[in-house]
């Protein structure tokens, strides 16, 4: 078992299919569940916990927090950072061009 802020991993071994209840608060936005690397639906259980239907056998279960808003914000920030750098370089280039003509 591994439990970080944005990644929780479990292993499950069972002879029959089971419904697993995890002592993690159900929060739909951003959380994704996988069983052996395949997407699995997270089921709201007991009004506030997470549950998964786990097939028989040994399986790796993973909950990963990947909010779309974070990645959209990161992309927007990167674009505007590049734009700002381009504007600063253009400003220095224009200043250099003016000074070059004034010296000549």
PDB file of N, CA and C in Angstrom:
ATOM      1  N   UNK A   1       0.843  -1.182   0.000  1.00  0.00           N
ATOM      2  CA  UNK A   1       0.000   0.000   0.000  1.00  0.00           C
ATOM      3  C   UNK A   1       0.884   1.239   0.000  1.00  0.00           C
ATOM      4  N   UNK A   2       0.538   2.193  -0.830  1.00  0.00           N
ATOM      5  CA  UNK A   2       1.228   3.482  -0.885  1.00  0.00           C
ATOM      6  C   UNK A   2       0.159   4.557  -0.795  1.00  0.00           C
ATOM      7  N   UNK A   3       0.393   5.579   0.031  1.00  0.00           N
ATOM      8  CA  UNK A   3      -0.602   6.618   0.219  1.00  0.00           C
ATOM      9  C   UNK A   3       0.076   7.982   0.218  1.00  0.00           C
ATOM     10  N   UNK A   4       0.042   8.661  -0.932  1.00  0.00           N
ATOM     11  CA  UNK A   4       0.542  10.024  -1.059  1.00  0.00           C
ATOM     12  C   UNK A   4      -0.655  10.957  -1.221  1.00  0.00           C
ATOM     13  N   UNK A   5      -0.378  12.251  -1.350  1.00  0.00           N
ATOM     14  CA  UNK A   5      -1.470  13.210  -1.524  1.00  0.00           C
ATOM     15  C   UNK A   5      -2.245  12.991  -2.814  1.00  0.00           C
ATOM     16  N   UNK A   6      -1.545  12.604  -3.889  1.00  0.00           N
ATOM     17  CA  UNK A   6      -2.201  12.475  -5.183  1.00  0.00           C
ATOM     18  C   UNK A   6      -2.137  11.071  -5.777  1.00  0.00           C
ATOM     19  N   UNK A   7      -1.638  10.098  -5.016  1.00  0.00           N
ATOM     20  CA  UNK A   7      -1.554   8.721  -5.499  1.00  0.00           C
ATOM     21  C   UNK A   7      -1.734   7.754  -4.335  1.00  0.00           C
ATOM     22  N   UNK A   8      -2.697   6.850  -4.480  1.00  0.00           N
ATOM     23  CA  UNK A   8      -2.944   5.824  -3.466  1.00  0.00           C
ATOM     24  C   UNK A   8      -2.953   4.486  -4.188  1.00  0.00           C
ATOM     25  N   UNK A   9      -2.144   3.540  -3.698  1.00  0.00           N
ATOM     26  CA  UNK A   9      -2.048   2.230  -4.335  1.00  0.00           C
ATOM     27  C   UNK A   9      -2.357   1.129  -3.331  1.00  0.00           C
ATOM     28  N   UNK A  10      -3.099   0.134  -3.796  1.00  0.00           N
ATOM     29  CA  UNK A  10      -3.439  -1.034  -2.990  1.00  0.00           C
ATOM     30  C   UNK A  10      -3.210  -2.284  -3.832  1.00  0.00           C
ATOM     31  N   UNK A  11      -3.113  -3.421  -3.166  1.00  0.00           N
ATOM     32  CA  UNK A  11      -3.169  -4.707  -3.858  1.00  0.00           C
ATOM     33  C   UNK A  11      -4.329  -5.492  -3.260  1.00  0.00           C
ATOM     34  N   UNK A  12      -4.964  -6.288  -4.104  1.00  0.00           N
ATOM     35  CA  UNK A  12      -6.117  -7.072  -3.674  1.00  0.00           C
ATOM     36  C   UNK A  12      -5.952  -8.502  -4.159  1.00  0.00           C
ATOM     37  N   UNK A  13      -6.232  -9.448  -3.271  1.00  0.00           N
ATOM     38  CA  UNK A  13      -6.229 -10.862  -3.632  1.00  0.00           C
ATOM     39  C   UNK A  13      -7.510 -11.476  -3.091  1.00  0.00           C
ATOM     40  N   UNK A  14      -8.301 -12.066  -3.996  1.00  0.00           N
ATOM     41  CA  UNK A  14      -9.569 -12.661  -3.584  1.00  0.00           C
ATOM     42  C   UNK A  14      -9.945 -13.782  -4.548  1.00  0.00           C
ATOM     43  N   UNK A  15     -10.556 -14.819  -4.008  1.00  0.00           N
ATOM     44  CA  UNK A  15     -10.994 -15.951  -4.837  1.00  0.00           C
ATOM     45  C   UNK A  15     -12.303 -15.645  -5.564  1.00  0.00           C
ATOM     46  N   UNK A  16     -13.039 -14.642  -5.090  1.00  0.00           N
ATOM     47  CA  UNK A  16     -14.318 -14.283  -5.703  1.00  0.00           C
ATOM     48  C   UNK A  16     -14.358 -12.781  -5.955  1.00  0.00           C
ATOM     49  N   UNK A  17     -15.226 -12.307  -6.855  1.00  0.00           N
ATOM     50  CA  UNK A  17     -15.374 -10.862  -7.052  1.00  0.00           C
ATOM     51  C   UNK A  17     -15.841 -10.206  -5.749  1.00  0.00           C
ATOM     52  N   UNK A  18     -15.328  -9.042  -5.457  1.00  0.00           N
ATOM     53  CA  UNK A  18     -15.646  -8.346  -4.206  1.00  0.00           C
ATOM     54  C   UNK A  18     -15.974  -6.886  -4.485  1.00  0.00           C
ATOM     55  N   UNK A  19     -16.674  -6.281  -3.540  1.00  0.00           N
ATOM     56  CA  UNK A  19     -16.860  -4.836  -3.556  1.00  0.00           C
ATOM     57  C   UNK A  19     -16.005  -4.283  -2.424  1.00  0.00           C
ATOM     58  N   UNK A  20     -15.025  -3.471  -2.770  1.00  0.00           N
ATOM     59  CA  UNK A  20     -14.097  -2.930  -1.771  1.00  0.00           C
ATOM     60  C   UNK A  20     -14.513  -1.521  -1.381  1.00  0.00           C
ATOM     61  N   UNK A  21     -14.538  -1.259  -0.080  1.00  0.00           N
ATOM     62  CA  UNK A  21     -14.821   0.073   0.449  1.00  0.00           C
ATOM     63  C   UNK A  21     -13.513   0.621   1.004  1.00  0.00           C
ATOM     64  N   UNK A  22     -13.138   1.809   0.540  1.00  0.00           N
ATOM     65  CA  UNK A  22     -11.883   2.436   0.952  1.00  0.00           C
ATOM     66  C   UNK A  22     -12.184   3.583   1.900  1.00  0.00           C
ATOM     67  N   UNK A  23     -11.383   3.709   2.928  1.00  0.00           N
ATOM     68  CA  UNK A  23     -11.619   4.762   3.923  1.00  0.00           C
ATOM     69  C   UNK A  23     -11.048   6.089   3.424  1.00  0.00           C
ATOM     70  N   UNK A  24     -11.456   6.445   2.234  1.00  0.00           N
ATOM     71  CA  UNK A  24     -11.079   7.708   1.606  1.00  0.00           C
ATOM     72  C   UNK A  24     -12.369   8.437   1.262  1.00  0.00           C
ATOM     73  N   UNK A  25     -12.406   9.730   1.506  1.00  0.00           N
ATOM     74  CA  UNK A  25     -13.600  10.519   1.223  1.00  0.00           C
ATOM     75  C   UNK A  25     -13.860  10.533  -0.282  1.00  0.00           C
ATOM     76  N   UNK A  26     -15.104  10.314  -0.662  1.00  0.00           N
ATOM     77  CA  UNK A  26     -15.495  10.349  -2.070  1.00  0.00           C
ATOM     78  C   UNK A  26     -15.467  11.790  -2.545  1.00  0.00           C
ATOM     79  N   UNK A  27     -14.620  12.061  -3.511  1.00  0.00           N
ATOM     80  CA  UNK A  27     -14.539  13.382  -4.135  1.00  0.00           C
ATOM     81  C   UNK A  27     -14.314  13.134  -5.611  1.00  0.00           C
ATOM     82  N   UNK A  28     -15.367  13.305  -6.386  1.00  0.00           N
ATOM     83  CA  UNK A  28     -15.350  12.892  -7.790  1.00  0.00           C
ATOM     84  C   UNK A  28     -14.393  13.707  -8.656  1.00  0.00           C
ATOM     85  N   UNK A  29     -14.323  15.006  -8.437  1.00  0.00           N
ATOM     86  CA  UNK A  29     -13.550  15.885  -9.318  1.00  0.00           C
ATOM     87  C   UNK A  29     -12.052  15.598  -9.232  1.00  0.00           C
ATOM     88  N   UNK A  30     -11.497  15.110 -10.320  1.00  0.00           N
ATOM     89  CA  UNK A  30     -10.053  14.924 -10.408  1.00  0.00           C
ATOM     90  C   UNK A  30      -9.537  13.542 -10.071  1.00  0.00           C
ATOM     91  N   UNK A  31     -10.281  12.746  -9.320  1.00  0.00           N
ATOM     92  CA  UNK A  31      -9.800  11.415  -8.943  1.00  0.00           C
ATOM     93  C   UNK A  31     -10.146  10.395 -10.019  1.00  0.00           C
ATOM     94  N   UNK A  32      -9.177   9.554 -10.341  1.00  0.00           N
ATOM     95  CA  UNK A  32      -9.364   8.467 -11.302  1.00  0.00           C
ATOM     96  C   UNK A  32      -8.929   7.172 -10.628  1.00  0.00           C
ATOM     97  N   UNK A  33      -9.662   6.099 -10.885  1.00  0.00           N
ATOM     98  CA  UNK A  33      -9.312   4.792 -10.318  1.00  0.00           C
ATOM     99  C   UNK A  33      -8.968   3.834 -11.448  1.00  0.00           C
ATOM    100  N   UNK A  34      -7.970   2.989 -11.195  1.00  0.00           N
ATOM    101  CA  UNK A  34      -7.626   1.939 -12.148  1.00  0.00           C
ATOM    102  C   UNK A  34      -7.439   0.625 -11.399  1.00  0.00           C
ATOM    103  N   UNK A  35      -7.776  -0.450 -12.084  1.00  0.00           N
ATOM    104  CA  UNK A  35      -7.499  -1.801 -11.592  1.00  0.00           C
ATOM    105  C   UNK A  35      -6.630  -2.451 -12.657  1.00  0.00           C
ATOM    106  N   UNK A  36      -5.409  -2.781 -12.304  1.00  0.00           N
ATOM    107  CA  UNK A  36      -4.426  -3.333 -13.247  1.00  0.00           C
ATOM    108  C   UNK A  36      -4.238  -2.422 -14.460  1.00  0.00           C
ATOM    109  N   UNK A  37      -4.255  -1.111 -14.228  1.00  0.00           N
ATOM    110  CA  UNK A  37      -4.026  -0.144 -15.295  1.00  0.00           C
ATOM    111  C   UNK A  37      -5.238   0.186 -16.145  1.00  0.00           C
ATOM    112  N   UNK A  38      -6.364  -0.458 -15.908  1.00  0.00           N
ATOM    113  CA  UNK A  38      -7.592  -0.194 -16.671  1.00  0.00           C
ATOM    114  C   UNK A  38      -8.529   0.667 -15.830  1.00  0.00           C
ATOM    115  N   UNK A  39      -9.128   1.676 -16.463  1.00  0.00           N
ATOM    116  CA  UNK A  39     -10.044   2.570 -15.748  1.00  0.00           C
ATOM    117  C   UNK A  39     -11.166   1.791 -15.078  1.00  0.00           C
ATOM    118  N   UNK A  40     -11.498   2.222 -13.869  1.00  0.00           N
ATOM    119  CA  UNK A  40     -12.584   1.606 -13.101  1.00  0.00           C
ATOM    120  C   UNK A  40     -13.432   2.724 -12.497  1.00  0.00           C
ATOM    121  N   UNK A  41     -14.762   2.580 -12.525  1.00  0.00           N
ATOM    122  CA  UNK A  41     -15.610   3.627 -11.953  1.00  0.00           C
ATOM    123  C   UNK A  41     -15.537   3.636 -10.423  1.00  0.00           C
ATOM    124  N   UNK A  42     -15.394   4.834  -9.871  1.00  0.00           N
ATOM    125  CA  UNK A  42     -15.414   4.998  -8.413  1.00  0.00           C
ATOM    126  C   UNK A  42     -16.877   5.143  -8.002  1.00  0.00           C
ATOM    127  N   UNK A  43     -17.292   4.346  -7.046  1.00  0.00           N
ATOM    128  CA  UNK A  43     -18.686   4.332  -6.607  1.00  0.00           C
ATOM    129  C   UNK A  43     -18.780   4.983  -5.227  1.00  0.00           C
ATOM    130  N   UNK A  44     -19.697   5.959  -5.110  1.00  0.00           N
ATOM    131  CA  UNK A  44     -19.924   6.602  -3.814  1.00  0.00           C
ATOM    132  C   UNK A  44     -20.553   5.572  -2.885  1.00  0.00           C
ATOM    133  N   UNK A  45     -19.914   5.344  -1.746  1.00  0.00           N
ATOM    134  CA  UNK A  45     -20.304   4.269  -0.838  1.00  0.00           C
ATOM    135  C   UNK A  45     -20.585   4.828   0.555  1.00  0.00           C
ATOM    136  N   UNK A  46     -21.641   4.383   1.176  1.00  0.00           N
ATOM    137  CA  UNK A  46     -22.006   4.815   2.533  1.00  0.00           C
ATOM    138  C   UNK A  46     -22.046   6.339   2.651  1.00  0.00           C
ATOM    139  N   UNK A  47     -22.528   6.996   1.622  1.00  0.00           N
ATOM    140  CA  UNK A  47     -22.723   8.441   1.563  1.00  0.00           C
ATOM    141  C   UNK A  47     -21.445   9.260   1.450  1.00  0.00           C
ATOM    142  N   UNK A  48     -20.267   8.744   1.833  1.00  0.00           N
ATOM    143  CA  UNK A  48     -19.084   9.587   1.802  1.00  0.00           C
ATOM    144  C   UNK A  48     -17.774   8.873   1.480  1.00  0.00           C
ATOM    145  N   UNK A  49     -17.777   7.578   1.302  1.00  0.00           N
ATOM    146  CA  UNK A  49     -16.531   6.850   1.036  1.00  0.00           C
ATOM    147  C   UNK A  49     -16.459   6.399  -0.422  1.00  0.00           C
ATOM    148  N   UNK A  50     -15.278   5.931  -0.820  1.00  0.00           N
ATOM    149  CA  UNK A  50     -15.073   5.414  -2.178  1.00  0.00           C
ATOM    150  C   UNK A  50     -15.206   3.905  -2.190  1.00  0.00           C
ATOM    151  N   UNK A  51     -15.784   3.398  -3.264  1.00  0.00           N
ATOM    152  CA  UNK A  51     -15.894   1.956  -3.428  1.00  0.00           C
ATOM    153  C   UNK A  51     -15.555   1.550  -4.850  1.00  0.00           C
ATOM    154  N   UNK A  52     -15.077   0.317  -5.005  1.00  0.00           N
ATOM    155  CA  UNK A  52     -14.763  -0.249  -6.321  1.00  0.00           C
ATOM    156  C   UNK A  52     -15.236  -1.691  -6.375  1.00  0.00           C
ATOM    157  N   UNK A  53     -15.722  -2.100  -7.527  1.00  0.00           N
ATOM    158  CA  UNK A  53     -16.004  -3.513  -7.761  1.00  0.00           C
ATOM    159  C   UNK A  53     -14.707  -4.144  -8.251  1.00  0.00           C
ATOM    160  N   UNK A  54     -14.194  -5.090  -7.477  1.00  0.00           N
ATOM    161  CA  UNK A  54     -12.901  -5.708  -7.785  1.00  0.00           C
ATOM    162  C   UNK A  54     -13.138  -7.156  -8.199  1.00  0.00           C
ATOM    163  N   UNK A  55     -12.659  -7.551  -9.390  1.00  0.00           N
ATOM    164  CA  UNK A  55     -12.845  -8.937  -9.821  1.00  0.00           C
ATOM    165  C   UNK A  55     -11.987  -9.903  -9.006  1.00  0.00           C
ATOM    166  N   UNK A  56     -12.284 -11.189  -9.149  1.00  0.00           N
ATOM    167  CA  UNK A  56     -11.513 -12.222  -8.445  1.00  0.00           C
ATOM    168  C   UNK A  56     -10.073 -12.226  -8.944  1.00  0.00           C
ATOM    169  N   UNK A  57      -9.170 -12.644  -8.070  1.00  0.00           N
ATOM    170  CA  UNK A  57      -7.756 -12.732  -8.435  1.00  0.00           C
ATOM    171  C   UNK A  57      -6.926 -11.683  -7.727  1.00  0.00           C
ATOM    172  N   UNK A  58      -5.676 -11.577  -8.149  1.00  0.00           N
ATOM    173  CA  UNK A  58      -4.769 -10.585  -7.566  1.00  0.00           C
ATOM    174  C   UNK A  58      -4.724  -9.370  -8.485  1.00  0.00           C
ATOM    175  N   UNK A  59      -4.919  -8.190  -7.900  1.00  0.00           N
ATOM    176  CA  UNK A  59      -5.011  -6.967  -8.698  1.00  0.00           C
ATOM    177  C   UNK A  59      -4.289  -5.811  -8.022  1.00  0.00           C
ATOM    178  N   UNK A  60      -3.779  -4.911  -8.867  1.00  0.00           N
ATOM    179  CA  UNK A  60      -3.199  -3.652  -8.399  1.00  0.00           C
ATOM    180  C   UNK A  60      -4.264  -2.572  -8.570  1.00  0.00           C
ATOM    181  N   UNK A  61      -4.607  -1.916  -7.472  1.00  0.00           N
ATOM    182  CA  UNK A  61      -5.633  -0.870  -7.476  1.00  0.00           C
ATOM    183  C   UNK A  61      -4.934   0.461  -7.241  1.00  0.00           C
ATOM    184  N   UNK A  62      -5.322   1.453  -8.036  1.00  0.00           N
ATOM    185  CA  UNK A  62      -4.664   2.752  -7.920  1.00  0.00           C
ATOM    186  C   UNK A  62      -5.696   3.866  -8.017  1.00  0.00           C
ATOM    187  N   UNK A  63      -5.608   4.810  -7.087  1.00  0.00           N
ATOM    188  CA  UNK A  63      -6.376   6.050  -7.152  1.00  0.00           C
ATOM    189  C   UNK A  63      -5.369   7.154  -7.436  1.00  0.00           C
ATOM    190  N   UNK A  64      -5.644   7.947  -8.478  1.00  0.00           N
ATOM    191  CA  UNK A  64      -4.723   9.017  -8.851  1.00  0.00           C
ATOM    192  C   UNK A  64      -5.506  10.318  -8.970  1.00  0.00           C
ATOM    193  N   UNK A  65      -4.950  11.386  -8.397  1.00  0.00           N
ATOM    194  CA  UNK A  65      -5.588  12.696  -8.462  1.00  0.00           C
ATOM    195  C   UNK A  65      -4.970  13.469  -9.614  1.00  0.00           C
ATOM    196  N   UNK A  66      -5.754  13.671 -10.680  1.00  0.00           N
ATOM    197  CA  UNK A  66      -5.308  14.390 -11.867  1.00  0.00           C
ATOM    198  C   UNK A  66      -6.393  15.380 -12.284  1.00  0.00           C
ATOM    199  N   UNK A  67      -6.498  16.506 -11.569  1.00  0.00           N
ATOM    200  CA  UNK A  67      -7.567  17.450 -11.893  1.00  0.00           C
ATOM    201  C   UNK A  67      -7.314  18.153 -13.226  1.00  0.00           C
ATOM    202  N   UNK A  68      -8.321  18.183 -14.084  1.00  0.00           N
ATOM    203  CA  UNK A  68      -8.202  18.836 -15.392  1.00  0.00           C
ATOM    204  C   UNK A  68      -7.898  20.320 -15.230  1.00  0.00           C
ATOM    205  N   UNK A  69      -8.444  20.951 -14.194  1.00  0.00           N
ATOM    206  CA  UNK A  69      -8.222  22.386 -13.990  1.00  0.00           C
ATOM    207  C   UNK A  69      -6.744  22.701 -13.780  1.00  0.00           C
ATOM    208  N   UNK A  70      -6.017  21.828 -13.108  1.00  0.00           N
ATOM    209  CA  UNK A  70      -4.585  22.044 -12.883  1.00  0.00           C
ATOM    210  C   UNK A  70      -3.831  22.038 -14.206  1.00  0.00           C
ATOM    211  N   UNK A  71      -4.130  21.053 -15.055  1.00  0.00           N
ATOM    212  CA  UNK A  71      -3.417  20.938 -16.326  1.00  0.00           C
ATOM    213  C   UNK A  71      -3.791  22.058 -17.290  1.00  0.00           C
ATOM    214  N   UNK A  72      -5.053  22.503 -17.266  1.00  0.00           N
ATOM    215  CA  UNK A  72      -5.450  23.651 -18.085  1.00  0.00           C
ATOM    216  C   UNK A  72      -4.727  24.908 -17.613  1.00  0.00           C
ATOM    217  N   UNK A  73      -4.677  25.112 -16.310  1.00  0.00           N
ATOM    218  CA  UNK A  73      -3.976  26.266 -15.753  1.00  0.00           C
ATOM    219  C   UNK A  73      -2.491  26.238 -16.068  1.00  0.00           C
ATOM    220  N   UNK A  74      -1.901  25.068 -16.002  1.00  0.00           N
ATOM    221  CA  UNK A  74      -0.471  24.920 -16.315  1.00  0.00           C
ATOM    222  C   UNK A  74      -0.205  25.273 -17.779  1.00  0.00           C
ATOM    223  N   UNK A  75      -1.101  24.831 -18.671  1.00  0.00           N
ATOM    224  CA  UNK A  75      -0.943  25.119 -20.098  1.00  0.00           C
ATOM    225  C   UNK A  75      -1.085  26.620 -20.360  1.00  0.00           C
ATOM    226  N   UNK A  76      -2.092  27.252 -19.754  1.00  0.00           N
ATOM    227  CA  UNK A  76      -2.308  28.690 -19.934  1.00  0.00           C
ATOM    228  C   UNK A  76      -1.120  29.474 -19.391  1.00  0.00           C
ATOM    229  N   UNK A  77      -0.616  29.089 -18.225  1.00  0.00           N
ATOM    230  CA  UNK A  77       0.540  29.762 -17.637  1.00  0.00           C
ATOM    231  C   UNK A  77       1.758  29.640 -18.542  1.00  0.00           C
ATOM    232  N   UNK A  78       1.975  28.473 -19.110  1.00  0.00           N
ATOM    233  CA  UNK A  78       3.117  28.265 -20.010  1.00  0.00           C
ATOM    234  C   UNK A  78       3.006  29.149 -21.249  1.00  0.00           C
ATOM    235  N   UNK A  79       1.816  29.218 -21.830  1.00  0.00           N
ATOM    236  CA  UNK A  79       1.617  30.043 -23.027  1.00  0.00           C
ATOM    237  C   UNK A  79       1.886  31.510 -22.722  1.00  0.00           C
ATOM    238  N   UNK A  80       1.331  32.017 -21.623  1.00  0.00           N
ATOM    239  CA  UNK A  80       1.526  33.424 -21.297  1.00  0.00           C
ATOM    240  C   UNK A  80       2.963  33.720 -20.862  1.00  0.00           C
ATOM    241  N   UNK A  81       3.638  32.764 -20.263  1.00  0.00           N
ATOM    242  CA  UNK A  81       5.051  32.954 -19.916  1.00  0.00           C
ATOM    243  C   UNK A  81       5.889  33.085 -21.179  1.00  0.00           C
ATOM    244  N   UNK A  82       5.626  32.228 -22.167  1.00  0.00           N
ATOM    245  CA  UNK A  82       6.363  32.324 -23.438  1.00  0.00           C
ATOM    246  C   UNK A  82       6.058  33.639 -24.144  1.00  0.00           C
ATOM    247  N   UNK A  83       4.796  34.072 -24.098  1.00  0.00           N
ATOM    248  CA  UNK A  83       4.415  35.343 -24.700  1.00  0.00           C
ATOM    249  C   UNK A  83       5.130  36.505 -24.014  1.00  0.00           C
ATOM    250  N   UNK A  84       5.200  36.481 -22.698  1.00  0.00           N
ATOM    251  CA  UNK A  84       5.891  37.529 -21.954  1.00  0.00           C
ATOM    252  C   UNK A  84       7.377  37.563 -22.304  1.00  0.00           C
ATOM    253  N   UNK A  85       8.008  36.413 -22.379  1.00  0.00           N
ATOM    254  CA  UNK A  85       9.428  36.350 -22.750  1.00  0.00           C
ATOM    255  C   UNK A  85       9.626  36.903 -24.158  1.00  0.00           C
ATOM    256  N   UNK A  86       8.733  36.551 -25.090  1.00  0.00           N
ATOM    257  CA  UNK A  86       8.832  37.060 -26.458  1.00  0.00           C
ATOM    258  C   UNK A  86       8.685  38.581 -26.490  1.00  0.00           C
ATOM    259  N   UNK A  87       7.766  39.125 -25.691  1.00  0.00           N
ATOM    260  CA  UNK A  87       7.584  40.578 -25.640  1.00  0.00           C
ATOM    261  C   UNK A  87       8.803  41.280 -25.052  1.00  0.00           C
ATOM    262  N   UNK A  88       9.403  40.709 -24.022  1.00  0.00           N
ATOM    263  CA  UNK A  88      10.608  41.300 -23.422  1.00  0.00           C
ATOM    264  C   UNK A  88      11.748  41.290 -24.437  1.00  0.00           C
ATOM    265  N   UNK A  89      11.931  40.168 -25.133  1.00  0.00           N
ATOM    266  CA  UNK A  89      12.986  40.083 -26.149  1.00  0.00           C
ATOM    267  C   UNK A  89      12.719  41.078 -27.278  1.00  0.00           C
ATOM    268  N   UNK A  90      11.454  41.194 -27.700  1.00  0.00           N
ATOM    269  CA  UNK A  90      11.103  42.156 -28.748  1.00  0.00           C
ATOM    270  C   UNK A  90      11.383  43.584 -28.282  1.00  0.00           C
ATOM    271  N   UNK A  91      11.080  43.898 -27.028  1.00  0.00           N
ATOM    272  CA  UNK A  91      11.353  45.230 -26.485  1.00  0.00           C
ATOM    273  C   UNK A  91      12.837  45.549 -26.489  1.00  0.00           C
ATOM    274  N   UNK A  92      13.662  44.602 -26.054  1.00  0.00           N
ATOM    275  CA  UNK A  92      15.113  44.809 -26.089  1.00  0.00           C
ATOM    276  C   UNK A  92      15.602  44.944 -27.531  1.00  0.00           C
ATOM    277  N   UNK A  93      15.024  44.155 -28.437  1.00  0.00           N
ATOM    278  CA  UNK A  93      15.403  44.234 -29.851  1.00  0.00           C
ATOM    279  C   UNK A  93      15.061  45.586 -30.450  1.00  0.00           C
ATOM    280  N   UNK A  94      13.890  46.110 -30.136  1.00  0.00           N
ATOM    281  CA  UNK A  94      13.494  47.424 -30.653  1.00  0.00           C
ATOM    282  C   UNK A  94      14.396  48.517 -30.093  1.00  0.00           C
ATOM    283  N   UNK A  95      14.727  48.417 -28.805  1.00  0.00           N
ATOM    284  CA  UNK A  95      15.620  49.405 -28.188  1.00  0.00           C
ATOM    285  C   UNK A  95      17.007  49.348 -28.838  1.00  0.00           C
ATOM    286  N   UNK A  96      17.495  48.163 -29.072  1.00  0.00           N
ATOM    287  CA  UNK A  96      18.802  48.000 -29.714  1.00  0.00           C
ATOM    288  C   UNK A  96      18.761  48.576 -31.130  1.00  0.00           C
ATOM    289  N   UNK A  97      17.648  48.331 -31.847  1.00  0.00           N
ATOM    290  CA  UNK A  97      17.515  48.825 -33.219  1.00  0.00           C
ATOM    291  C   UNK A  97      17.516  50.355 -33.244  1.00  0.00           C
ATOM    292  N   UNK A  98      16.803  50.986 -32.293  1.00  0.00           N
ATOM    293  CA  UNK A  98      16.781  52.455 -32.214  1.00  0.00           C
ATOM    294  C   UNK A  98      18.171  53.000 -31.909  1.00  0.00           C
ATOM    295  N   UNK A  99      18.856  52.395 -30.948  1.00  0.00           N
ATOM    296  CA  UNK A  99      20.200  52.853 -30.577  1.00  0.00           C
ATOM    297  C   UNK A  99      21.182  52.644 -31.721  1.00  0.00           C
ATOM    298  N   UNK A 100      21.030  51.614 -32.488  1.00  0.00           N
ATOM    299  CA  UNK A 100      21.917  51.324 -33.611  1.00  0.00           C
ATOM    300  C   UNK A 100      21.784  52.413 -34.671  1.00  0.00           C
ATOM    301  N   UNK A 101      20.537  52.838 -34.945  1.00  0.00           N
ATOM    302  CA  UNK A 101      20.307  53.888 -35.942  1.00  0.00           C
ATOM    303  C   UNK A 101      20.805  55.241 -35.431  1.00  0.00           C
ATOM    304  N   UNK A 102      20.681  55.496 -34.127  1.00  0.00           N
ATOM    305  CA  UNK A 102      21.115  56.770 -33.553  1.00  0.00           C
ATOM    306  C   UNK A 102      22.634  56.902 -33.601  1.00  0.00           C
ATOM    307  N   UNK A 103      23.356  55.815 -33.434  1.00  0.00           N
ATOM    308  CA  UNK A 103      24.821  55.834 -33.450  1.00  0.00           C
ATOM    309  C   UNK A 103      25.326  56.058 -34.869  1.00  0.00           C
ATOM    310  N   UNK A 104      24.617  55.534 -35.869  1.00  0.00           N
ATOM    311  CA  UNK A 104      25.085  55.621 -37.265  1.00  0.00           C
ATOM    312  C   UNK A 104      24.896  56.968 -37.859  1.00  0.00           C
TER     313      UNK A 104
END
